[in-house]
N, C-alpha and C. Protein backbone atom coordinates (compact mmCIF):
# COMPACT_ATOMS: atom_id res chain seq x y z
N MET A 1 -9.73 15.80 6.61
CA MET A 1 -10.65 14.90 7.28
C MET A 1 -11.08 13.77 6.35
N GLY A 2 -11.16 14.05 5.04
CA GLY A 2 -11.58 13.02 4.11
C GLY A 2 -10.66 11.82 4.10
N GLY A 3 -9.32 12.07 4.19
CA GLY A 3 -8.36 10.97 4.20
C GLY A 3 -8.52 10.09 5.42
N THR A 4 -8.81 10.71 6.56
CA THR A 4 -8.99 9.94 7.78
C THR A 4 -10.21 9.04 7.67
N VAL A 5 -11.29 9.57 7.10
CA VAL A 5 -12.50 8.78 6.94
C VAL A 5 -12.22 7.61 6.01
N ALA A 6 -11.49 7.85 4.90
CA ALA A 6 -11.19 6.77 3.97
C ALA A 6 -10.37 5.70 4.66
N GLY A 7 -9.39 6.10 5.47
CA GLY A 7 -8.57 5.13 6.18
C GLY A 7 -9.40 4.29 7.13
N ASN A 8 -10.35 4.92 7.82
CA ASN A 8 -11.20 4.18 8.74
C ASN A 8 -12.10 3.21 7.99
N ASN A 9 -12.63 3.63 6.85
CA ASN A 9 -13.48 2.73 6.08
C ASN A 9 -12.69 1.54 5.58
N ASN A 10 -11.45 1.75 5.21
CA ASN A 10 -10.62 0.65 4.72
C ASN A 10 -10.36 -0.37 5.82
N ASN A 11 -10.23 0.10 7.05
CA ASN A 11 -10.02 -0.85 8.16
C ASN A 11 -11.22 -1.75 8.34
N ASN A 12 -12.42 -1.22 8.14
CA ASN A 12 -13.62 -2.05 8.27
C ASN A 12 -13.67 -3.10 7.18
N ASN A 13 -13.21 -2.76 5.98
CA ASN A 13 -13.22 -3.72 4.88
C ASN A 13 -12.19 -4.82 5.08
N ASN A 14 -11.13 -4.55 5.82
CA ASN A 14 -10.10 -5.56 6.03
C ASN A 14 -10.63 -6.77 6.76
N ASN A 15 -11.57 -6.59 7.67
CA ASN A 15 -12.13 -7.73 8.40
C ASN A 15 -12.81 -8.70 7.44
N ASN A 16 -13.48 -8.18 6.41
CA ASN A 16 -14.13 -9.04 5.43
C ASN A 16 -13.10 -9.78 4.58
N ASN A 17 -11.98 -9.13 4.25
CA ASN A 17 -10.95 -9.75 3.43
C ASN A 17 -10.25 -10.88 4.16
N ASN A 18 -10.12 -10.79 5.47
CA ASN A 18 -9.47 -11.85 6.24
C ASN A 18 -10.22 -13.16 6.14
N VAL A 19 -11.55 -13.10 6.06
CA VAL A 19 -12.35 -14.30 5.93
C VAL A 19 -12.08 -14.94 4.56
N GLU A 20 -11.97 -14.10 3.51
CA GLU A 20 -11.72 -14.62 2.17
C GLU A 20 -10.35 -15.25 2.05
N SER A 21 -9.37 -14.77 2.80
CA SER A 21 -8.01 -15.28 2.69
C SER A 21 -7.77 -16.50 3.57
N SER A 22 -8.78 -16.99 4.27
CA SER A 22 -8.59 -18.11 5.18
C SER A 22 -8.25 -19.41 4.45
N SER A 23 -8.47 -19.46 3.14
CA SER A 23 -8.14 -20.67 2.39
C SER A 23 -6.68 -20.72 1.96
N LEU A 24 -5.89 -19.67 2.25
CA LEU A 24 -4.47 -19.67 1.91
C LEU A 24 -3.71 -20.62 2.82
N PRO A 25 -2.64 -21.21 2.31
CA PRO A 25 -1.81 -22.06 3.17
C PRO A 25 -1.23 -21.25 4.33
N SER A 26 -0.89 -21.91 5.40
CA SER A 26 -0.37 -21.21 6.58
C SER A 26 1.01 -20.62 6.32
N THR A 27 1.65 -21.00 5.22
CA THR A 27 2.97 -20.45 4.88
C THR A 27 2.86 -19.08 4.23
N HIS A 28 1.64 -18.65 3.91
CA HIS A 28 1.42 -17.37 3.25
C HIS A 28 0.67 -16.42 4.17
N ILE A 29 0.92 -15.14 4.00
CA ILE A 29 0.20 -14.11 4.74
C ILE A 29 -0.50 -13.22 3.74
N PHE A 30 -1.80 -13.06 3.89
CA PHE A 30 -2.57 -12.14 3.07
C PHE A 30 -2.76 -10.87 3.89
N GLN A 31 -2.23 -9.76 3.40
CA GLN A 31 -2.33 -8.49 4.12
C GLN A 31 -2.94 -7.45 3.20
N PRO A 32 -4.23 -7.16 3.38
CA PRO A 32 -4.84 -6.11 2.57
C PRO A 32 -4.29 -4.75 2.98
N LEU A 33 -3.95 -3.94 1.99
CA LEU A 33 -3.38 -2.62 2.24
C LEU A 33 -4.25 -1.56 1.58
N ALA A 34 -4.38 -0.43 2.24
CA ALA A 34 -5.09 0.71 1.68
C ALA A 34 -4.15 1.90 1.75
N LEU A 35 -3.74 2.38 0.58
CA LEU A 35 -2.79 3.48 0.50
C LEU A 35 -3.42 4.62 -0.30
N GLU A 36 -3.18 5.82 0.13
CA GLU A 36 -3.63 7.00 -0.59
C GLU A 36 -2.41 7.84 -0.92
N THR A 37 -2.48 8.57 -2.02
CA THR A 37 -1.32 9.35 -2.46
C THR A 37 -0.84 10.31 -1.39
N LEU A 38 -1.71 11.13 -0.87
CA LEU A 38 -1.32 12.11 0.15
C LEU A 38 -2.05 11.86 1.46
N GLY A 39 -2.54 10.65 1.64
CA GLY A 39 -3.33 10.37 2.82
C GLY A 39 -2.73 9.26 3.66
N PRO A 40 -3.51 8.75 4.57
CA PRO A 40 -3.02 7.75 5.51
C PRO A 40 -2.94 6.34 4.91
N ILE A 41 -2.21 5.50 5.58
CA ILE A 41 -2.20 4.07 5.31
C ILE A 41 -3.07 3.43 6.39
N ASN A 42 -3.85 2.42 6.02
CA ASN A 42 -4.73 1.81 7.01
C ASN A 42 -3.92 1.24 8.18
N THR A 43 -4.57 1.06 9.30
CA THR A 43 -3.90 0.66 10.54
C THR A 43 -3.17 -0.67 10.40
N THR A 44 -3.81 -1.66 9.79
CA THR A 44 -3.14 -2.95 9.63
C THR A 44 -1.96 -2.83 8.67
N GLY A 45 -2.05 -1.92 7.71
CA GLY A 45 -0.93 -1.68 6.80
C GLY A 45 0.27 -1.10 7.52
N ILE A 46 0.02 -0.15 8.42
CA ILE A 46 1.11 0.44 9.21
C ILE A 46 1.78 -0.66 10.05
N THR A 47 0.97 -1.48 10.69
CA THR A 47 1.51 -2.56 11.51
C THR A 47 2.34 -3.52 10.66
N PHE A 48 1.82 -3.87 9.49
CA PHE A 48 2.52 -4.79 8.60
C PHE A 48 3.86 -4.21 8.14
N PHE A 49 3.85 -2.96 7.66
CA PHE A 49 5.09 -2.34 7.19
C PHE A 49 6.10 -2.15 8.33
N SER A 50 5.61 -1.83 9.51
CA SER A 50 6.50 -1.66 10.66
C SER A 50 7.18 -2.98 11.02
N GLU A 51 6.41 -4.06 11.03
CA GLU A 51 6.98 -5.37 11.34
C GLU A 51 7.94 -5.82 10.24
N LEU A 52 7.57 -5.59 9.00
CA LEU A 52 8.45 -5.95 7.89
C LEU A 52 9.75 -5.14 7.96
N GLY A 53 9.65 -3.85 8.27
CA GLY A 53 10.83 -3.01 8.43
C GLY A 53 11.71 -3.47 9.57
N ARG A 54 11.09 -3.90 10.66
CA ARG A 54 11.86 -4.40 11.80
C ARG A 54 12.63 -5.66 11.40
N ARG A 55 11.98 -6.54 10.65
CA ARG A 55 12.65 -7.77 10.21
C ARG A 55 13.79 -7.46 9.24
N LEU A 56 13.56 -6.49 8.36
CA LEU A 56 14.64 -6.08 7.45
C LEU A 56 15.82 -5.51 8.23
N THR A 57 15.52 -4.74 9.28
CA THR A 57 16.57 -4.18 10.13
C THR A 57 17.35 -5.29 10.83
N ASP A 58 16.65 -6.31 11.30
CA ASP A 58 17.31 -7.45 11.96
C ASP A 58 18.31 -8.12 11.01
N VAL A 59 17.95 -8.22 9.74
CA VAL A 59 18.82 -8.89 8.77
C VAL A 59 19.97 -7.99 8.34
N SER A 60 19.66 -6.72 8.02
CA SER A 60 20.67 -5.82 7.47
C SER A 60 21.46 -5.06 8.53
N ARG A 61 20.92 -4.99 9.73
CA ARG A 61 21.52 -4.22 10.83
C ARG A 61 21.50 -2.71 10.57
N ASP A 62 20.68 -2.27 9.61
CA ASP A 62 20.54 -0.85 9.32
C ASP A 62 19.24 -0.36 9.95
N PRO A 63 19.30 0.52 10.95
CA PRO A 63 18.09 0.96 11.65
C PRO A 63 17.16 1.83 10.79
N ARG A 64 17.60 2.19 9.59
CA ARG A 64 16.78 3.03 8.72
C ARG A 64 15.91 2.22 7.76
N GLU A 65 15.95 0.92 7.84
CA GLU A 65 15.21 0.07 6.90
C GLU A 65 13.71 0.36 6.87
N THR A 66 13.10 0.58 8.03
CA THR A 66 11.66 0.86 8.06
C THR A 66 11.36 2.15 7.32
N THR A 67 12.18 3.17 7.53
CA THR A 67 12.00 4.44 6.83
C THR A 67 12.15 4.25 5.33
N TYR A 68 13.16 3.50 4.93
CA TYR A 68 13.36 3.23 3.51
C TYR A 68 12.17 2.50 2.91
N LEU A 69 11.61 1.55 3.65
CA LEU A 69 10.46 0.79 3.18
C LEU A 69 9.27 1.70 2.93
N PHE A 70 8.96 2.57 3.89
CA PHE A 70 7.85 3.50 3.71
C PHE A 70 8.10 4.43 2.53
N GLN A 71 9.34 4.87 2.33
CA GLN A 71 9.66 5.73 1.20
C GLN A 71 9.48 4.99 -0.12
N ARG A 72 9.90 3.74 -0.19
CA ARG A 72 9.75 2.96 -1.43
C ARG A 72 8.28 2.74 -1.76
N VAL A 73 7.48 2.45 -0.75
CA VAL A 73 6.05 2.24 -0.99
C VAL A 73 5.40 3.54 -1.46
N SER A 74 5.75 4.65 -0.83
CA SER A 74 5.21 5.95 -1.21
C SER A 74 5.57 6.29 -2.65
N LEU A 75 6.81 6.04 -3.03
CA LEU A 75 7.25 6.31 -4.39
C LEU A 75 6.54 5.42 -5.39
N ALA A 76 6.33 4.16 -5.05
CA ALA A 76 5.61 3.25 -5.95
C ALA A 76 4.18 3.73 -6.18
N VAL A 77 3.50 4.20 -5.13
CA VAL A 77 2.14 4.70 -5.27
C VAL A 77 2.13 5.94 -6.17
N GLN A 78 3.08 6.85 -5.96
CA GLN A 78 3.14 8.06 -6.78
C GLN A 78 3.43 7.74 -8.24
N ARG A 79 4.33 6.80 -8.49
CA ARG A 79 4.62 6.40 -9.87
C ARG A 79 3.39 5.79 -10.54
N TYR A 80 2.70 4.92 -9.83
CA TYR A 80 1.50 4.31 -10.38
C TYR A 80 0.46 5.38 -10.72
N ASN A 81 0.27 6.31 -9.80
CA ASN A 81 -0.72 7.37 -10.04
C ASN A 81 -0.35 8.22 -11.25
N SER A 82 0.94 8.50 -11.44
CA SER A 82 1.34 9.30 -12.59
C SER A 82 1.10 8.55 -13.90
N VAL A 83 1.33 7.25 -13.90
CA VAL A 83 1.06 6.45 -15.09
C VAL A 83 -0.44 6.39 -15.36
N ALA A 84 -1.22 6.18 -14.32
CA ALA A 84 -2.67 6.13 -14.48
C ALA A 84 -3.21 7.46 -14.98
N PHE A 85 -2.67 8.57 -14.47
CA PHE A 85 -3.11 9.90 -14.90
C PHE A 85 -2.71 10.15 -16.35
N ARG A 86 -1.49 9.77 -16.71
CA ARG A 86 -1.02 9.98 -18.08
C ARG A 86 -1.90 9.24 -19.07
N ASP A 87 -2.34 8.06 -18.73
CA ASP A 87 -3.16 7.27 -19.64
C ASP A 87 -4.58 7.77 -19.78
N THR A 88 -4.95 8.83 -19.07
CA THR A 88 -6.29 9.38 -19.23
C THR A 88 -6.39 10.33 -20.42
N PHE A 89 -5.24 10.72 -20.96
CA PHE A 89 -5.25 11.60 -22.13
C PHE A 89 -5.36 10.78 -23.39
N SER A 90 -6.20 11.22 -24.32
CA SER A 90 -6.34 10.50 -25.57
C SER A 90 -5.37 11.09 -26.60
N VAL A 91 -4.83 10.22 -27.40
CA VAL A 91 -3.92 10.62 -28.47
C VAL A 91 -4.60 10.34 -29.79
N PRO A 92 -4.72 11.36 -30.65
CA PRO A 92 -5.38 11.12 -31.94
C PRO A 92 -4.56 10.12 -32.76
N THR A 93 -5.25 9.17 -33.36
CA THR A 93 -4.56 8.15 -34.14
C THR A 93 -4.34 8.60 -35.59
N GLU A 94 -5.20 9.49 -36.05
CA GLU A 94 -5.10 9.92 -37.44
C GLU A 94 -5.46 11.39 -37.52
N LEU A 95 -4.67 12.16 -38.19
CA LEU A 95 -4.98 13.57 -38.37
C LEU A 95 -5.81 13.77 -39.62
N ASP A 96 -6.83 14.59 -39.53
CA ASP A 96 -7.69 14.83 -40.71
C ASP A 96 -7.20 15.99 -41.51
């Protein structure tokens, strides 16, 4: 239930971010994303990734592109988390 609540809270924050991104040129898209390691992706993130996957499929003609995209994003989040976790350990610089 905690992951669902976090996802819902992130959707509320996205409305505020859209106002901040209004100064971007019309050639750019600002898409705030909220990803959790073992939890949900915010609603606008799902929509964004689904549309991006559809466009990739149109270009490559491979119907699995959306699945591959979600897998790549999931792997990137897991890799980042492992690096962040690893850096929490202190290494002694000098032995006494």
